[in-house]
Amino acid sequence: MKHPRGIEIGRPRRDGITYIGPVADPISTAIDDAQSFMALGGMCPSCEREAWIDRHELRRKWGNAMLNSLQPRLRCLGCGNRQGNKWITGQLPR
């Protein structure tokens, strides 16, 4: 069951998103700082699962929060891990 204050690293989507890498500086990066052609996602270090998160839903729920403050709320749906999950970026297809 999804906790109302959590952010789940969901099922992997095959939307043609090209993985770029981890967010360089989540401490000073807000949700709105990501460019419109970039996708935000989460990566679990335990099972190496990567999944993309709906940025508009994230913005609606948390406002323009810093990614570092939301990082402890990331939870992997594959293994249930809550520790050490990282933000990743990808490029949306044209």
PDB file of N, CA and C in Angstrom:
ATOM      1  N   MET A   1       0.841  -1.177   0.000  1.00  0.00           N
ATOM      2  CA  MET A   1       0.000   0.000   0.000  1.00  0.00           C
ATOM      3  C   MET A   1       0.883   1.236   0.000  1.00  0.00           C
ATOM      4  N   LYS A   2       0.526   2.204  -0.787  1.00  0.00           N
ATOM      5  CA  LYS A   2       1.317   3.416  -0.916  1.00  0.00           C
ATOM      6  C   LYS A   2       1.038   4.354   0.245  1.00  0.00           C
ATOM      7  N   HIS A   3       2.102   4.801   0.881  1.00  0.00           N
ATOM      8  CA  HIS A   3       1.967   5.774   1.955  1.00  0.00           C
ATOM      9  C   HIS A   3       1.738   7.144   1.334  1.00  0.00           C
ATOM     10  N   PRO A   4       0.824   7.966   1.852  1.00  0.00           N
ATOM     11  CA  PRO A   4       0.503   9.247   1.222  1.00  0.00           C
ATOM     12  C   PRO A   4       1.651  10.249   1.230  1.00  0.00           C
ATOM     13  N   ARG A   5       2.667  10.052   2.062  1.00  0.00           N
ATOM     14  CA  ARG A   5       3.793  10.978   2.113  1.00  0.00           C
ATOM     15  C   ARG A   5       5.041  10.410   1.447  1.00  0.00           C
ATOM     16  N   GLY A   6       4.938   9.293   0.754  1.00  0.00           N
ATOM     17  CA  GLY A   6       6.095   8.665   0.129  1.00  0.00           C
ATOM     18  C   GLY A   6       6.116   8.888  -1.364  1.00  0.00           C
ATOM     19  N   ILE A   7       7.278   8.670  -1.959  1.00  0.00           N
ATOM     20  CA  ILE A   7       7.442   8.725  -3.401  1.00  0.00           C
ATOM     21  C   ILE A   7       7.975   7.368  -3.817  1.00  0.00           C
ATOM     22  N   GLU A   8       7.225   6.641  -4.601  1.00  0.00           N
ATOM     23  CA  GLU A   8       7.611   5.301  -4.963  1.00  0.00           C
ATOM     24  C   GLU A   8       8.367   5.295  -6.283  1.00  0.00           C
ATOM     25  N   ILE A   9       9.450   4.532  -6.309  1.00  0.00           N
ATOM     26  CA  ILE A   9      10.164   4.295  -7.554  1.00  0.00           C
ATOM     27  C   ILE A   9       9.380   3.194  -8.239  1.00  0.00           C
ATOM     28  N   GLY A  10       8.551   3.584  -9.184  1.00  0.00           N
ATOM     29  CA  GLY A  10       7.538   2.703  -9.739  1.00  0.00           C
ATOM     30  C   GLY A  10       8.053   1.671 -10.719  1.00  0.00           C
ATOM     31  N   ARG A  11       7.129   1.144 -11.454  1.00  0.00           N
ATOM     32  CA  ARG A  11       7.450   0.150 -12.467  1.00  0.00           C
ATOM     33  C   ARG A  11       8.206   0.825 -13.601  1.00  0.00           C
ATOM     34  N   PRO A  12       9.202   0.132 -14.155  1.00  0.00           N
ATOM     35  CA  PRO A  12       9.956   0.757 -15.241  1.00  0.00           C
ATOM     36  C   PRO A  12       9.080   0.976 -16.467  1.00  0.00           C
ATOM     37  N   ARG A  13       9.120   2.187 -17.005  1.00  0.00           N
ATOM     38  CA  ARG A  13       8.343   2.508 -18.199  1.00  0.00           C
ATOM     39  C   ARG A  13       9.270   2.489 -19.400  1.00  0.00           C
ATOM     40  N   ARG A  14       8.752   2.062 -20.490  1.00  0.00           N
ATOM     41  CA  ARG A  14       9.509   2.031 -21.743  1.00  0.00           C
ATOM     42  C   ARG A  14       8.993   3.144 -22.644  1.00  0.00           C
ATOM     43  N   ASP A  15       9.184   4.387 -22.209  1.00  0.00           N
ATOM     44  CA  ASP A  15       8.690   5.538 -22.947  1.00  0.00           C
ATOM     45  C   ASP A  15       9.737   6.116 -23.890  1.00  0.00           C
ATOM     46  N   GLY A  16      10.834   5.442 -24.055  1.00  0.00           N
ATOM     47  CA  GLY A  16      11.888   5.970 -24.907  1.00  0.00           C
ATOM     48  C   GLY A  16      12.749   6.990 -24.197  1.00  0.00           C
ATOM     49  N   ILE A  17      12.722   7.024 -22.885  1.00  0.00           N
ATOM     50  CA  ILE A  17      13.545   7.960 -22.127  1.00  0.00           C
ATOM     51  C   ILE A  17      14.980   7.456 -22.130  1.00  0.00           C
ATOM     52  N   THR A  18      15.905   8.324 -22.482  1.00  0.00           N
ATOM     53  CA  THR A  18      17.318   7.983 -22.524  1.00  0.00           C
ATOM     54  C   THR A  18      17.970   8.360 -21.197  1.00  0.00           C
ATOM     55  N   TYR A  19      18.542   7.373 -20.531  1.00  0.00           N
ATOM     56  CA  TYR A  19      19.202   7.599 -19.246  1.00  0.00           C
ATOM     57  C   TYR A  19      20.424   8.493 -19.432  1.00  0.00           C
ATOM     58  N   ILE A  20      20.542   9.527 -18.603  1.00  0.00           N
ATOM     59  CA  ILE A  20      21.704  10.423 -18.657  1.00  0.00           C
ATOM     60  C   ILE A  20      22.634  10.166 -17.481  1.00  0.00           C
ATOM     61  N   GLY A  21      22.090  10.131 -16.264  1.00  0.00           N
ATOM     62  CA  GLY A  21      22.917   9.880 -15.089  1.00  0.00           C
ATOM     63  C   GLY A  21      22.276  10.429 -13.838  1.00  0.00           C
ATOM     64  N   PRO A  22      22.998  10.352 -12.717  1.00  0.00           N
ATOM     65  CA  PRO A  22      22.444  10.875 -11.474  1.00  0.00           C
ATOM     66  C   PRO A  22      22.362  12.396 -11.501  1.00  0.00           C
ATOM     67  N   VAL A  23      21.473  12.945 -10.699  1.00  0.00           N
ATOM     68  CA  VAL A  23      21.371  14.401 -10.568  1.00  0.00           C
ATOM     69  C   VAL A  23      22.675  14.882  -9.939  1.00  0.00           C
ATOM     70  N   ALA A  24      23.302  15.856 -10.571  1.00  0.00           N
ATOM     71  CA  ALA A  24      24.627  16.306 -10.144  1.00  0.00           C
ATOM     72  C   ALA A  24      24.628  16.892  -8.736  1.00  0.00           C
ATOM     73  N   ASP A  25      23.671  17.750  -8.420  1.00  0.00           N
ATOM     74  CA  ASP A  25      23.652  18.427  -7.126  1.00  0.00           C
ATOM     75  C   ASP A  25      22.227  18.498  -6.592  1.00  0.00           C
ATOM     76  N   PRO A  26      21.731  17.413  -5.966  1.00  0.00           N
ATOM     77  CA  PRO A  26      20.340  17.429  -5.487  1.00  0.00           C
ATOM     78  C   PRO A  26      20.106  18.411  -4.342  1.00  0.00           C
ATOM     79  N   ILE A  27      21.170  18.868  -3.683  1.00  0.00           N
ATOM     80  CA  ILE A  27      21.006  19.812  -2.570  1.00  0.00           C
ATOM     81  C   ILE A  27      20.486  21.154  -3.067  1.00  0.00           C
ATOM     82  N   SER A  28      20.983  21.603  -4.208  1.00  0.00           N
ATOM     83  CA  SER A  28      20.570  22.915  -4.718  1.00  0.00           C
ATOM     84  C   SER A  28      19.694  22.809  -5.965  1.00  0.00           C
ATOM     85  N   THR A  29      19.118  21.651  -6.238  1.00  0.00           N
ATOM     86  CA  THR A  29      18.259  21.454  -7.395  1.00  0.00           C
ATOM     87  C   THR A  29      16.815  21.274  -6.930  1.00  0.00           C
ATOM     88  N   ALA A  30      15.930  22.104  -7.446  1.00  0.00           N
ATOM     89  CA  ALA A  30      14.505  22.003  -7.140  1.00  0.00           C
ATOM     90  C   ALA A  30      13.794  21.264  -8.281  1.00  0.00           C
ATOM     91  N   ILE A  31      12.555  20.902  -8.063  1.00  0.00           N
ATOM     92  CA  ILE A  31      11.790  20.180  -9.079  1.00  0.00           C
ATOM     93  C   ILE A  31      11.683  21.012 -10.354  1.00  0.00           C
ATOM     94  N   ASP A  32      11.418  22.307 -10.219  1.00  0.00           N
ATOM     95  CA  ASP A  32      11.266  23.167 -11.394  1.00  0.00           C
ATOM     96  C   ASP A  32      12.583  23.497 -12.090  1.00  0.00           C
ATOM     97  N   ASP A  33      13.716  23.178 -11.472  1.00  0.00           N
ATOM     98  CA  ASP A  33      15.008  23.447 -12.105  1.00  0.00           C
ATOM     99  C   ASP A  33      15.298  22.495 -13.256  1.00  0.00           C
ATOM    100  N   ALA A  34      14.643  21.359 -13.266  1.00  0.00           N
ATOM    101  CA  ALA A  34      14.830  20.407 -14.364  1.00  0.00           C
ATOM    102  C   ALA A  34      14.183  20.979 -15.626  1.00  0.00           C
ATOM    103  N   GLN A  35      14.906  20.917 -16.719  1.00  0.00           N
ATOM    104  CA  GLN A  35      14.397  21.474 -17.977  1.00  0.00           C
ATOM    105  C   GLN A  35      13.221  20.650 -18.481  1.00  0.00           C
ATOM    106  N   SER A  36      12.421  21.241 -19.346  1.00  0.00           N
ATOM    107  CA  SER A  36      11.176  20.610 -19.783  1.00  0.00           C
ATOM    108  C   SER A  36      11.401  19.318 -20.575  1.00  0.00           C
ATOM    109  N   PHE A  37      12.561  19.156 -21.196  1.00  0.00           N
ATOM    110  CA  PHE A  37      12.831  17.947 -21.971  1.00  0.00           C
ATOM    111  C   PHE A  37      13.557  16.877 -21.142  1.00  0.00           C
ATOM    112  N   MET A  38      13.690  17.113 -19.841  1.00  0.00           N
ATOM    113  CA  MET A  38      14.360  16.168 -18.962  1.00  0.00           C
ATOM    114  C   MET A  38      13.322  15.410 -18.125  1.00  0.00           C
ATOM    115  N   ALA A  39      13.608  14.159 -17.848  1.00  0.00           N
ATOM    116  CA  ALA A  39      12.760  13.329 -16.994  1.00  0.00           C
ATOM    117  C   ALA A  39      13.483  13.107 -15.671  1.00  0.00           C
ATOM    118  N   LEU A  40      12.732  13.055 -14.594  1.00  0.00           N
ATOM    119  CA  LEU A  40      13.279  12.747 -13.273  1.00  0.00           C
ATOM    120  C   LEU A  40      12.895  11.326 -12.903  1.00  0.00           C
ATOM    121  N   GLY A  41      13.800  10.645 -12.253  1.00  0.00           N
ATOM    122  CA  GLY A  41      13.527   9.282 -11.839  1.00  0.00           C
ATOM    123  C   GLY A  41      14.286   8.938 -10.585  1.00  0.00           C
ATOM    124  N   GLY A  42      14.148   7.698 -10.176  1.00  0.00           N
ATOM    125  CA  GLY A  42      14.841   7.212  -9.000  1.00  0.00           C
ATOM    126  C   GLY A  42      15.589   5.935  -9.317  1.00  0.00           C
ATOM    127  N   MET A  43      16.679   5.699  -8.574  1.00  0.00           N
ATOM    128  CA  MET A  43      17.489   4.503  -8.760  1.00  0.00           C
ATOM    129  C   MET A  43      17.749   3.885  -7.404  1.00  0.00           C
ATOM    130  N   CYS A  44      17.510   2.592  -7.294  1.00  0.00           N
ATOM    131  CA  CYS A  44      17.727   1.844  -6.062  1.00  0.00           C
ATOM    132  C   CYS A  44      19.110   1.191  -6.122  1.00  0.00           C
ATOM    133  N   PRO A  45      19.980   1.459  -5.144  1.00  0.00           N
ATOM    134  CA  PRO A  45      21.306   0.843  -5.181  1.00  0.00           C
ATOM    135  C   PRO A  45      21.299  -0.643  -4.811  1.00  0.00           C
ATOM    136  N   SER A  46      20.263  -1.118  -4.136  1.00  0.00           N
ATOM    137  CA  SER A  46      20.216  -2.521  -3.719  1.00  0.00           C
ATOM    138  C   SER A  46      19.958  -3.461  -4.895  1.00  0.00           C
ATOM    139  N   CYS A  47      18.886  -3.173  -5.645  1.00  0.00           N
ATOM    140  CA  CYS A  47      18.524  -4.068  -6.752  1.00  0.00           C
ATOM    141  C   CYS A  47      18.816  -3.436  -8.115  1.00  0.00           C
ATOM    142  N   GLU A  48      19.383  -2.227  -8.117  1.00  0.00           N
ATOM    143  CA  GLU A  48      19.750  -1.494  -9.333  1.00  0.00           C
ATOM    144  C   GLU A  48      18.551  -1.235 -10.240  1.00  0.00           C
ATOM    145  N   ARG A  49      17.392  -1.072  -9.649  1.00  0.00           N
ATOM    146  CA  ARG A  49      16.175  -0.766 -10.395  1.00  0.00           C
ATOM    147  C   ARG A  49      16.135   0.726 -10.686  1.00  0.00           C
ATOM    148  N   GLU A  50      15.749   1.082 -11.892  1.00  0.00           N
ATOM    149  CA  GLU A  50      15.574   2.476 -12.291  1.00  0.00           C
ATOM    150  C   GLU A  50      14.143   2.644 -12.779  1.00  0.00           C
ATOM    151  N   ALA A  51      13.516   3.741 -12.383  1.00  0.00           N
ATOM    152  CA  ALA A  51      12.164   4.027 -12.853  1.00  0.00           C
ATOM    153  C   ALA A  51      11.977   5.531 -12.898  1.00  0.00           C
ATOM    154  N   TRP A  52      11.100   5.973 -13.778  1.00  0.00           N
ATOM    155  CA  TRP A  52      10.871   7.395 -13.981  1.00  0.00           C
ATOM    156  C   TRP A  52       9.637   7.827 -13.226  1.00  0.00           C
ATOM    157  N   ILE A  53       9.705   9.028 -12.656  1.00  0.00           N
ATOM    158  CA  ILE A  53       8.645   9.572 -11.819  1.00  0.00           C
ATOM    159  C   ILE A  53       7.952  10.703 -12.577  1.00  0.00           C
ATOM    160  N   ASP A  54       6.625  10.769 -12.463  1.00  0.00           N
ATOM    161  CA  ASP A  54       5.851  11.818 -13.112  1.00  0.00           C
ATOM    162  C   ASP A  54       6.148  13.147 -12.419  1.00  0.00           C
ATOM    163  N   ARG A  55       6.874  14.011 -13.095  1.00  0.00           N
ATOM    164  CA  ARG A  55       7.320  15.274 -12.506  1.00  0.00           C
ATOM    165  C   ARG A  55       6.145  16.200 -12.194  1.00  0.00           C
ATOM    166  N   HIS A  56       5.101  16.176 -13.006  1.00  0.00           N
ATOM    167  CA  HIS A  56       3.950  17.045 -12.775  1.00  0.00           C
ATOM    168  C   HIS A  56       3.185  16.622 -11.516  1.00  0.00           C
ATOM    169  N   GLU A  57       3.057  15.330 -11.299  1.00  0.00           N
ATOM    170  CA  GLU A  57       2.423  14.830 -10.083  1.00  0.00           C
ATOM    171  C   GLU A  57       3.287  15.149  -8.862  1.00  0.00           C
ATOM    172  N   LEU A  58       4.591  15.024  -9.011  1.00  0.00           N
ATOM    173  CA  LEU A  58       5.524  15.367  -7.940  1.00  0.00           C
ATOM    174  C   LEU A  58       5.410  16.842  -7.575  1.00  0.00           C
ATOM    175  N   ARG A  59       5.300  17.698  -8.579  1.00  0.00           N
ATOM    176  CA  ARG A  59       5.170  19.153  -8.367  1.00  0.00           C
ATOM    177  C   ARG A  59       3.842  19.490  -7.696  1.00  0.00           C
ATOM    178  N   ARG A  60       2.778  18.799  -8.109  1.00  0.00           N
ATOM    179  CA  ARG A  60       1.472  19.043  -7.514  1.00  0.00           C
ATOM    180  C   ARG A  60       1.457  18.647  -6.040  1.00  0.00           C
ATOM    181  N   LYS A  61       2.104  17.545  -5.714  1.00  0.00           N
ATOM    182  CA  LYS A  61       2.073  17.018  -4.360  1.00  0.00           C
ATOM    183  C   LYS A  61       3.016  17.754  -3.405  1.00  0.00           C
ATOM    184  N   TRP A  62       4.220  18.113  -3.861  1.00  0.00           N
ATOM    185  CA  TRP A  62       5.243  18.657  -2.980  1.00  0.00           C
ATOM    186  C   TRP A  62       5.595  20.106  -3.261  1.00  0.00           C
ATOM    187  N   GLY A  63       5.042  20.707  -4.298  1.00  0.00           N
ATOM    188  CA  GLY A  63       5.425  22.080  -4.644  1.00  0.00           C
ATOM    189  C   GLY A  63       6.806  22.082  -5.281  1.00  0.00           C
ATOM    190  N   ASN A  64       7.486  23.203  -5.215  1.00  0.00           N
ATOM    191  CA  ASN A  64       8.823  23.299  -5.811  1.00  0.00           C
ATOM    192  C   ASN A  64       9.884  22.962  -4.762  1.00  0.00           C
ATOM    193  N   ALA A  65       9.820  21.736  -4.249  1.00  0.00           N
ATOM    194  CA  ALA A  65      10.737  21.303  -3.196  1.00  0.00           C
ATOM    195  C   ALA A  65      12.104  20.953  -3.774  1.00  0.00           C
ATOM    196  N   MET A  66      13.101  21.029  -2.924  1.00  0.00           N
ATOM    197  CA  MET A  66      14.451  20.612  -3.314  1.00  0.00           C
ATOM    198  C   MET A  66      14.491  19.083  -3.367  1.00  0.00           C
ATOM    199  N   LEU A  67      15.223  18.555  -4.342  1.00  0.00           N
ATOM    200  CA  LEU A  67      15.290  17.108  -4.506  1.00  0.00           C
ATOM    201  C   LEU A  67      15.943  16.432  -3.305  1.00  0.00           C
ATOM    202  N   ASN A  68      16.881  17.105  -2.675  1.00  0.00           N
ATOM    203  CA  ASN A  68      17.556  16.527  -1.519  1.00  0.00           C
ATOM    204  C   ASN A  68      16.580  16.291  -0.365  1.00  0.00           C
ATOM    205  N   SER A  69      15.605  17.182  -0.205  1.00  0.00           N
ATOM    206  CA  SER A  69      14.636  17.006   0.880  1.00  0.00           C
ATOM    207  C   SER A  69      13.656  15.869   0.589  1.00  0.00           C
ATOM    208  N   LEU A  70      13.478  15.521  -0.681  1.00  0.00           N
ATOM    209  CA  LEU A  70      12.564  14.436  -1.051  1.00  0.00           C
ATOM    210  C   LEU A  70      13.274  13.089  -1.172  1.00  0.00           C
ATOM    211  N   GLN A  71      14.595  13.087  -1.193  1.00  0.00           N
ATOM    212  CA  GLN A  71      15.357  11.852  -1.390  1.00  0.00           C
ATOM    213  C   GLN A  71      15.071  10.784  -0.333  1.00  0.00           C
ATOM    214  N   PRO A  72      14.913  11.119   0.960  1.00  0.00           N
ATOM    215  CA  PRO A  72      14.596  10.066   1.942  1.00  0.00           C
ATOM    216  C   PRO A  72      13.218   9.441   1.735  1.00  0.00           C
ATOM    217  N   ARG A  73      12.357  10.068   0.958  1.00  0.00           N
ATOM    218  CA  ARG A  73      11.012   9.546   0.728  1.00  0.00           C
ATOM    219  C   ARG A  73      10.953   8.569  -0.443  1.00  0.00           C
ATOM    220  N   LEU A  74      12.034   8.435  -1.204  1.00  0.00           N
ATOM    221  CA  LEU A  74      12.051   7.493  -2.322  1.00  0.00           C
ATOM    222  C   LEU A  74      12.028   6.063  -1.784  1.00  0.00           C
ATOM    223  N   ARG A  75      11.166   5.227  -2.384  1.00  0.00           N
ATOM    224  CA  ARG A  75      11.065   3.826  -1.991  1.00  0.00           C
ATOM    225  C   ARG A  75      10.991   2.970  -3.244  1.00  0.00           C
ATOM    226  N   CYS A  76      11.781   1.927  -3.283  1.00  0.00           N
ATOM    227  CA  CYS A  76      11.806   1.018  -4.422  1.00  0.00           C
ATOM    228  C   CYS A  76      10.618   0.065  -4.342  1.00  0.00           C
ATOM    229  N   LEU A  77       9.892  -0.084  -5.442  1.00  0.00           N
ATOM    230  CA  LEU A  77       8.781  -1.034  -5.488  1.00  0.00           C
ATOM    231  C   LEU A  77       9.257  -2.456  -5.735  1.00  0.00           C
ATOM    232  N   GLY A  78      10.500  -2.602  -6.193  1.00  0.00           N
ATOM    233  CA  GLY A  78      11.027  -3.937  -6.448  1.00  0.00           C
ATOM    234  C   GLY A  78      11.411  -4.668  -5.173  1.00  0.00           C
ATOM    235  N   CYS A  79      12.235  -4.019  -4.343  1.00  0.00           N
ATOM    236  CA  CYS A  79      12.736  -4.674  -3.140  1.00  0.00           C
ATOM    237  C   CYS A  79      12.279  -3.988  -1.854  1.00  0.00           C
ATOM    238  N   GLY A  80      11.623  -2.834  -1.954  1.00  0.00           N
ATOM    239  CA  GLY A  80      11.148  -2.128  -0.772  1.00  0.00           C
ATOM    240  C   GLY A  80      12.203  -1.286  -0.074  1.00  0.00           C
ATOM    241  N   ASN A  81      13.375  -1.152  -0.671  1.00  0.00           N
ATOM    242  CA  ASN A  81      14.473  -0.399  -0.067  1.00  0.00           C
ATOM    243  C   ASN A  81      14.129   1.078   0.062  1.00  0.00           C
ATOM    244  N   ARG A  82      14.468   1.681   1.199  1.00  0.00           N
ATOM    245  CA  ARG A  82      14.277   3.108   1.434  1.00  0.00           C
ATOM    246  C   ARG A  82      15.599   3.824   1.689  1.00  0.00           C
ATOM    247  N   GLN A  83      16.700   3.113   1.769  1.00  0.00           N
ATOM    248  CA  GLN A  83      17.987   3.694   2.119  1.00  0.00           C
ATOM    249  C   GLN A  83      18.870   3.870   0.889  1.00  0.00           C
ATOM    250  N   GLY A  84      19.412   5.063   0.711  1.00  0.00           N
ATOM    251  CA  GLY A  84      20.402   5.302  -0.330  1.00  0.00           C
ATOM    252  C   GLY A  84      19.866   5.452  -1.740  1.00  0.00           C
ATOM    253  N   ASN A  85      18.556   5.576  -1.919  1.00  0.00           N
ATOM    254  CA  ASN A  85      18.014   5.766  -3.258  1.00  0.00           C
ATOM    255  C   ASN A  85      18.428   7.133  -3.794  1.00  0.00           C
ATOM    256  N   LYS A  86      18.720   7.212  -5.075  1.00  0.00           N
ATOM    257  CA  LYS A  86      19.239   8.430  -5.694  1.00  0.00           C
ATOM    258  C   LYS A  86      18.302   8.923  -6.790  1.00  0.00           C
ATOM    259  N   TRP A  87      18.352  10.231  -7.032  1.00  0.00           N
ATOM    260  CA  TRP A  87      17.627  10.843  -8.154  1.00  0.00           C
ATOM    261  C   TRP A  87      18.454  10.673  -9.416  1.00  0.00           C
ATOM    262  N   ILE A  88      17.798  10.369 -10.517  1.00  0.00           N
ATOM    263  CA  ILE A  88      18.457  10.267 -11.820  1.00  0.00           C
ATOM    264  C   ILE A  88      17.735  11.157 -12.821  1.00  0.00           C
ATOM    265  N   THR A  89      18.419  11.437 -13.922  1.00  0.00           N
ATOM    266  CA  THR A  89      17.819  12.240 -15.000  1.00  0.00           C
ATOM    267  C   THR A  89      17.883  11.461 -16.307  1.00  0.00           C
ATOM    268  N   GLY A  90      16.966  11.795 -17.169  1.00  0.00           N
ATOM    269  CA  GLY A  90      16.930  11.208 -18.494  1.00  0.00           C
ATOM    270  C   GLY A  90      16.384  12.230 -19.479  1.00  0.00           C
ATOM    271  N   GLN A  91      16.589  11.956 -20.745  1.00  0.00           N
ATOM    272  CA  GLN A  91      16.091  12.853 -21.770  1.00  0.00           C
ATOM    273  C   GLN A  91      14.861  12.245 -22.419  1.00  0.00           C
ATOM    274  N   LEU A  92      13.790  13.037 -22.471  1.00  0.00           N
ATOM    275  CA  LEU A  92      12.550  12.589 -23.090  1.00  0.00           C
ATOM    276  C   LEU A  92      12.730  12.478 -24.599  1.00  0.00           C
ATOM    277  N   PRO A  93      11.994  11.577 -25.252  1.00  0.00           N
ATOM    278  CA  PRO A  93      12.096  11.469 -26.695  1.00  0.00           C
ATOM    279  C   PRO A  93      11.522  12.705 -27.381  1.00  0.00           C
ATOM    280  N   ARG A  94      11.977  12.978 -28.560  1.00  0.00           N
ATOM    281  CA  ARG A  94      11.482  14.137 -29.317  1.00  0.00           C
ATOM    282  C   ARG A  94      10.223  13.801 -30.045  1.00  0.00           C
TER     283      ARG A  94
END
